[in-house]
Amino acid sequence: MAEIKPRWEWRSFGERFGPAEAHVASLSPTGVQDSDEVYLLSGAGANVKVRDALMDIKVLREVNADGLEQWTPVLKAAFPLPAAVLAQVLQALGLPLPDPLPEALTQDDFMACFAAPGGPVRAVPVHKRRVRYIIGGCTAELSEVTASGRSTRTLAVESEDAAAVTAAVRGLGLGAAVSLAYFTLHALFTTALQASVLPVQGPAGPLQSALAVAVVGVFFALLVLQQLLKHAPAVLGDGLYMHLYNGLYIDVYITRLLQRVWPSPVPQPDTPPAPFATAPSRGG
């Protein structure tokens, strides 16, 4: 196999992609490809499929702060599969290795052994029609995907350079589309709920202004901290991530405070709980 080069990928699914689709449609395609593939689903995290009569495996290595996924191709092997390659495939699918491992397994044999109805792997035939473009030095594709009789569309941008992918996605106007959708929804909800909410009580006072400044300051501090963590030593970064992921345990302190203000009622041992309360005896 050629040199392995991990690639960063941004991908979205949907029927329409707004300004991004219009921008892509204005470009000249670099190629159009139709392919029939078989995806092998087992619940494991790897991307395992049969494409062009090759067993093809990609593994998700990382998701960065911008939400880009880094996928690394780890296998492209022709059938029949040698035992060592079969072991790699089964490990990617999260399946136990049979003993002994069969040698020279054809594609039909593999499907019969592991992807038959009721087996540990579900084989899903997928047809793809990809239209490829170059955007900001990255490979982009607008595709139609059909699986199990259902179709959807996907827009993807990928490159070995994560920063280039982020810049290309922003260049497609997707950030602007999200902002426009947010403010549009805000206006719709304001119109729909204006009769059921209290009116605005005049200009904000010093306290409200101070709170607004504090909220902006907190978000700015989080942004700075996020950038610092990218360059922090791994041990320090992992430690801070764990504490921040748990919300600095603020919920624990709030729970303790609430328990002091409103302590939980102590159950009375002589009174059985309601679900188990006994009915008065009626004799016999």
Protein backbone atom coordinates (compact mmCIF):
# COMPACT_ATOMS: atom_id res chain seq x y z
CA MET A 1 0.00 0.00 0.00
CA ALA A 2 1.17 3.53 -0.73
CA GLU A 3 2.36 5.84 2.03
CA ILE A 4 -0.37 6.30 4.64
CA LYS A 5 -1.45 9.94 4.91
CA PRO A 6 -4.08 10.79 7.51
CA ARG A 7 -6.64 13.28 6.22
CA TRP A 8 -8.82 15.79 8.04
CA GLU A 9 -12.45 15.75 7.00
CA TRP A 10 -15.51 17.94 7.45
CA ARG A 11 -18.80 16.40 6.34
CA SER A 12 -22.46 17.30 6.52
CA PHE A 13 -25.60 15.37 5.48
CA GLY A 14 -28.87 16.83 4.23
CA GLU A 15 -31.03 17.57 1.23
CA ARG A 16 -29.85 21.15 0.67
CA PHE A 17 -26.77 23.10 1.77
CA GLY A 18 -27.88 26.67 1.07
CA PRO A 19 -25.16 29.17 0.10
CA ALA A 20 -22.49 26.46 0.29
CA GLU A 21 -24.18 24.40 -2.41
CA ALA A 22 -24.62 27.48 -4.60
CA HIS A 23 -20.93 28.26 -4.23
CA VAL A 24 -19.91 24.71 -5.10
CA ALA A 25 -22.26 24.63 -8.10
CA SER A 26 -20.50 27.69 -9.51
CA LEU A 27 -17.20 25.77 -9.71
CA SER A 28 -16.00 23.43 -12.44
CA PRO A 29 -15.99 19.78 -11.32
CA THR A 30 -12.68 17.93 -11.39
CA GLY A 31 -14.40 14.57 -11.76
CA VAL A 32 -17.57 12.53 -11.40
CA GLN A 33 -17.55 8.99 -9.99
CA ASP A 34 -20.24 6.36 -9.50
CA SER A 35 -19.41 3.49 -7.17
CA ASP A 36 -21.11 0.52 -5.54
CA GLU A 37 -19.77 -0.39 -2.12
CA VAL A 38 -20.69 -2.69 0.74
CA TYR A 39 -20.38 -1.20 4.21
CA LEU A 40 -19.76 -3.69 7.02
CA LEU A 41 -21.46 -2.55 10.24
CA SER A 42 -20.72 -4.14 13.60
CA GLY A 43 -20.89 -1.35 16.17
CA ALA A 44 -17.11 -0.86 16.21
CA GLY A 45 -15.69 2.58 15.43
CA ALA A 46 -13.74 1.74 12.27
CA ASN A 47 -14.99 2.43 8.75
CA VAL A 48 -14.92 -0.99 7.09
CA LYS A 49 -16.20 -1.53 3.55
CA VAL A 50 -15.64 -3.41 0.32
CA ARG A 51 -14.96 -1.08 -2.60
CA ASP A 52 -13.56 -1.92 -6.02
CA ALA A 53 -13.17 -5.55 -4.87
CA LEU A 54 -10.84 -4.39 -2.08
CA MET A 55 -11.31 -4.65 1.68
CA ASP A 56 -10.96 -1.02 2.76
CA ILE A 57 -10.51 0.11 6.39
CA LYS A 58 -10.19 3.63 7.80
CA VAL A 59 -9.84 4.45 11.50
CA LEU A 60 -10.89 7.66 13.24
CA ARG A 61 -7.79 8.96 15.04
CA GLU A 62 -8.81 12.37 16.33
CA VAL A 63 -11.48 15.07 16.42
CA ASN A 64 -10.02 18.56 16.77
CA ALA A 65 -11.45 21.67 18.43
CA ASP A 66 -13.11 22.76 15.16
CA GLY A 67 -14.98 19.46 14.88
CA LEU A 68 -12.85 18.11 12.03
CA GLU A 69 -12.27 14.35 12.00
CA GLN A 70 -8.89 12.84 11.18
CA TRP A 71 -9.25 9.49 9.40
CA THR A 72 -6.31 7.21 8.69
CA PRO A 73 -6.47 4.46 6.04
CA VAL A 74 -5.00 1.30 7.56
CA LEU A 75 -5.86 -1.38 4.99
CA LYS A 76 -6.62 -1.87 1.32
CA ALA A 77 -6.40 -5.57 0.50
CA ALA A 78 -7.55 -7.65 -2.44
CA PHE A 79 -9.51 -10.87 -2.08
CA PRO A 80 -8.86 -13.64 -1.22
CA LEU A 81 -7.75 -12.42 2.20
CA PRO A 82 -4.74 -14.09 3.85
CA ALA A 83 -5.16 -15.10 7.49
CA ALA A 84 -3.11 -12.15 8.80
CA VAL A 85 -5.22 -9.65 6.85
CA LEU A 86 -8.44 -11.37 7.95
CA ALA A 87 -7.33 -10.98 11.57
CA GLN A 88 -6.85 -7.24 11.02
CA VAL A 89 -10.33 -6.96 9.50
CA LEU A 90 -11.99 -8.83 12.35
CA GLN A 91 -10.18 -6.70 14.93
CA ALA A 92 -11.42 -3.54 13.17
CA LEU A 93 -14.95 -4.96 13.34
CA GLY A 94 -14.54 -5.79 17.03
CA LEU A 95 -15.05 -9.53 16.45
CA PRO A 96 -13.24 -12.42 18.15
CA LEU A 97 -10.69 -14.29 16.07
CA PRO A 98 -11.66 -17.85 15.15
CA ASP A 99 -9.13 -20.60 15.79
CA PRO A 100 -7.80 -21.52 13.36
CA LEU A 101 -8.09 -18.53 11.03
CA PRO A 102 -9.20 -19.54 7.53
CA GLU A 103 -6.75 -18.91 4.72
CA ALA A 104 -7.49 -17.33 1.35
CA LEU A 105 -11.01 -16.17 2.19
CA THR A 106 -12.92 -14.90 -0.86
CA GLN A 107 -15.42 -12.06 -0.66
CA ASP A 108 -18.35 -14.48 -0.89
CA ASP A 109 -16.82 -16.70 1.79
CA PHE A 110 -16.31 -13.68 4.07
CA MET A 111 -19.92 -12.59 3.66
CA ALA A 112 -21.18 -16.12 4.31
CA CYS A 113 -19.06 -16.50 7.46
CA PHE A 114 -19.52 -13.10 9.09
CA ALA A 115 -22.20 -11.04 7.29
CA ALA A 116 -24.98 -13.54 6.67
CA PRO A 117 -28.48 -12.61 7.95
CA GLY A 118 -28.42 -12.90 11.73
CA GLY A 119 -24.61 -12.82 11.80
CA PRO A 120 -22.39 -10.44 13.79
CA VAL A 121 -21.91 -8.05 10.84
CA ARG A 122 -24.55 -6.28 8.81
CA ALA A 123 -23.66 -5.81 5.14
CA VAL A 124 -25.26 -2.68 3.63
CA PRO A 125 -24.98 -2.12 -0.14
CA VAL A 126 -24.40 1.57 -0.86
CA HIS A 127 -24.40 3.39 -4.17
CA LYS A 128 -22.57 6.73 -4.36
CA ARG A 129 -22.41 9.36 -7.05
CA ARG A 130 -19.63 11.82 -6.24
CA VAL A 131 -18.97 15.13 -7.95
CA ARG A 132 -15.53 16.40 -6.93
CA TYR A 133 -14.17 19.94 -6.74
CA ILE A 134 -11.10 21.80 -5.47
CA ILE A 135 -11.85 24.48 -2.87
CA GLY A 136 -9.02 26.38 -1.19
CA GLY A 137 -6.54 23.66 -2.09
CA CYS A 138 -8.77 20.98 -0.50
CA THR A 139 -10.68 18.16 -2.11
CA ALA A 140 -14.43 18.71 -1.87
CA GLU A 141 -17.28 16.51 -3.00
CA LEU A 142 -21.03 16.85 -3.32
CA SER A 143 -22.46 13.35 -3.33
CA GLU A 144 -25.72 11.47 -3.47
CA VAL A 145 -25.76 8.33 -1.34
CA THR A 146 -28.35 5.56 -1.61
CA ALA A 147 -28.56 2.75 0.96
CA SER A 148 -31.39 0.31 1.65
CA GLY A 149 -33.62 2.17 -0.80
CA ARG A 150 -33.17 5.56 0.89
CA SER A 151 -31.17 8.46 -0.50
CA THR A 152 -29.49 11.46 1.07
CA ARG A 153 -26.86 13.96 0.03
CA THR A 154 -23.55 14.82 1.63
CA LEU A 155 -21.11 17.68 1.29
CA ALA A 156 -17.51 17.04 2.37
CA VAL A 157 -14.19 18.87 2.42
CA GLU A 158 -10.93 17.06 3.20
CA SER A 159 -7.19 17.58 3.19
CA GLU A 160 -4.06 16.58 5.08
CA ASP A 161 -4.00 20.18 6.41
CA ALA A 162 -6.66 20.80 9.07
CA ALA A 163 -6.30 24.59 8.86
CA ALA A 164 -6.94 24.47 5.11
CA VAL A 165 -10.14 22.46 5.65
CA THR A 166 -11.38 24.94 8.28
CA ALA A 167 -10.66 27.88 5.97
CA ALA A 168 -12.37 26.18 3.03
CA VAL A 169 -15.50 25.42 5.08
CA ARG A 170 -15.68 29.01 6.26
CA GLY A 171 -15.21 30.14 2.68
CA LEU A 172 -18.29 28.17 1.68
CA GLY A 173 -20.39 30.52 3.82
CA LEU A 174 -21.62 27.80 6.17
CA GLY A 175 -20.80 29.90 9.23
CA ALA A 176 -22.91 32.72 7.82
CA ALA A 177 -25.74 30.28 7.09
CA VAL A 178 -25.74 29.08 10.70
CA SER A 179 -25.81 32.65 12.01
CA LEU A 180 -28.62 33.59 9.63
CA ALA A 181 -30.63 30.54 10.72
CA TYR A 182 -30.12 31.47 14.40
CA PHE A 183 -31.35 35.04 14.01
CA THR A 184 -34.23 33.92 11.76
CA LEU A 185 -35.43 31.43 14.37
CA HIS A 186 -35.03 34.07 17.07
CA ALA A 187 -37.24 36.47 15.12
CA LEU A 188 -39.86 33.76 14.49
CA PHE A 189 -40.05 32.78 18.15
CA THR A 190 -40.24 36.44 19.21
CA THR A 191 -43.20 36.95 16.88
CA ALA A 192 -44.93 33.74 18.00
CA LEU A 193 -44.46 34.32 21.73
CA GLN A 194 -44.75 38.09 22.03
CA ALA A 195 -48.29 37.85 23.42
CA SER A 196 -47.31 35.42 26.17
CA VAL A 197 -44.12 36.99 27.55
CA LEU A 198 -43.59 40.05 29.73
CA PRO A 199 -42.57 43.28 27.99
CA VAL A 200 -39.04 44.60 28.30
CA GLN A 201 -38.73 46.71 31.47
CA GLY A 202 -36.77 49.64 30.13
CA PRO A 203 -32.98 50.00 29.79
CA ALA A 204 -30.69 47.78 31.81
CA GLY A 205 -29.34 49.06 35.10
CA PRO A 206 -25.78 48.83 36.41
CA LEU A 207 -26.28 45.29 37.70
CA GLN A 208 -27.56 43.96 34.37
CA SER A 209 -24.74 45.71 32.51
CA ALA A 210 -22.17 44.23 34.90
CA LEU A 211 -23.64 40.74 34.42
CA ALA A 212 -23.52 41.13 30.63
CA VAL A 213 -19.89 42.19 30.79
CA ALA A 214 -19.12 39.27 33.11
CA VAL A 215 -20.74 36.76 30.73
CA VAL A 216 -18.78 38.13 27.77
CA GLY A 217 -15.61 38.01 29.86
CA VAL A 218 -16.20 34.37 30.81
CA PHE A 219 -16.69 33.34 27.18
CA PHE A 220 -13.57 35.25 26.15
CA ALA A 221 -11.58 33.57 28.93
CA LEU A 222 -12.82 30.14 27.77
CA LEU A 223 -11.73 30.98 24.23
CA VAL A 224 -8.25 31.95 25.43
CA LEU A 225 -8.05 28.83 27.61
CA GLN A 226 -9.04 26.64 24.65
CA GLN A 227 -6.20 28.07 22.58
CA LEU A 228 -3.71 27.67 25.44
CA LEU A 229 -4.68 24.00 25.91
CA LYS A 230 -3.70 23.30 22.30
CA HIS A 231 -0.09 24.16 23.18
CA ALA A 232 -0.06 22.85 26.77
CA PRO A 233 1.86 19.68 27.72
CA ALA A 234 -0.25 16.55 27.29
CA VAL A 235 -0.41 15.78 31.03
CA LEU A 236 -1.50 19.30 31.95
CA GLY A 237 -3.98 19.48 29.07
CA ASP A 238 -5.57 16.13 29.91
CA GLY A 239 -5.86 17.04 33.59
CA LEU A 240 -7.51 20.39 32.91
CA TYR A 241 -9.79 18.80 30.31
CA MET A 242 -11.09 16.28 32.87
CA HIS A 243 -11.96 18.98 35.41
CA LEU A 244 -13.49 21.31 32.83
CA TYR A 245 -15.47 18.44 31.29
CA ASN A 246 -17.02 17.88 34.74
CA GLY A 247 -17.98 21.54 34.98
CA LEU A 248 -15.45 22.21 37.75
CA TYR A 249 -17.88 20.19 39.93
CA ILE A 250 -20.14 23.21 40.39
CA ASP A 251 -23.20 20.93 40.47
CA VAL A 252 -21.76 19.16 43.53
CA TYR A 253 -21.51 22.42 45.47
CA ILE A 254 -25.00 23.49 44.39
CA THR A 255 -26.42 20.12 45.46
CA ARG A 256 -24.79 20.44 48.90
CA LEU A 257 -26.12 23.98 49.27
CA LEU A 258 -29.65 22.89 48.34
CA GLN A 259 -29.46 20.01 50.79
CA ARG A 260 -28.67 22.49 53.57
CA VAL A 261 -31.47 24.87 52.61
CA TRP A 262 -34.04 22.18 51.79
CA PRO A 263 -32.94 18.95 53.45
CA SER A 264 -34.50 15.75 52.19
CA PRO A 265 -37.34 14.49 54.40
CA VAL A 266 -36.39 11.62 56.68
CA PRO A 267 -38.60 8.58 56.01
CA GLN A 268 -40.67 7.38 58.99
CA PRO A 269 -39.86 3.73 59.72
CA ASP A 270 -43.36 3.01 61.11
CA THR A 271 -45.11 4.21 57.94
CA PRO A 272 -44.71 1.88 54.97
CA PRO A 273 -44.10 3.55 51.61
CA ALA A 274 -47.22 4.23 49.58
CA PRO A 275 -46.66 1.55 46.94
CA PHE A 276 -46.46 -1.10 49.69
CA ALA A 277 -49.13 0.28 52.03
CA THR A 278 -51.34 -2.46 53.37
CA ALA A 279 -55.10 -2.30 53.04
CA PRO A 280 -57.19 -2.65 56.20
CA SER A 281 -58.10 -6.23 56.93
CA ARG A 282 -61.63 -7.26 56.05
CA GLY A 283 -61.40 -10.68 57.64
CA GLY A 284 -61.36 -14.18 56.10
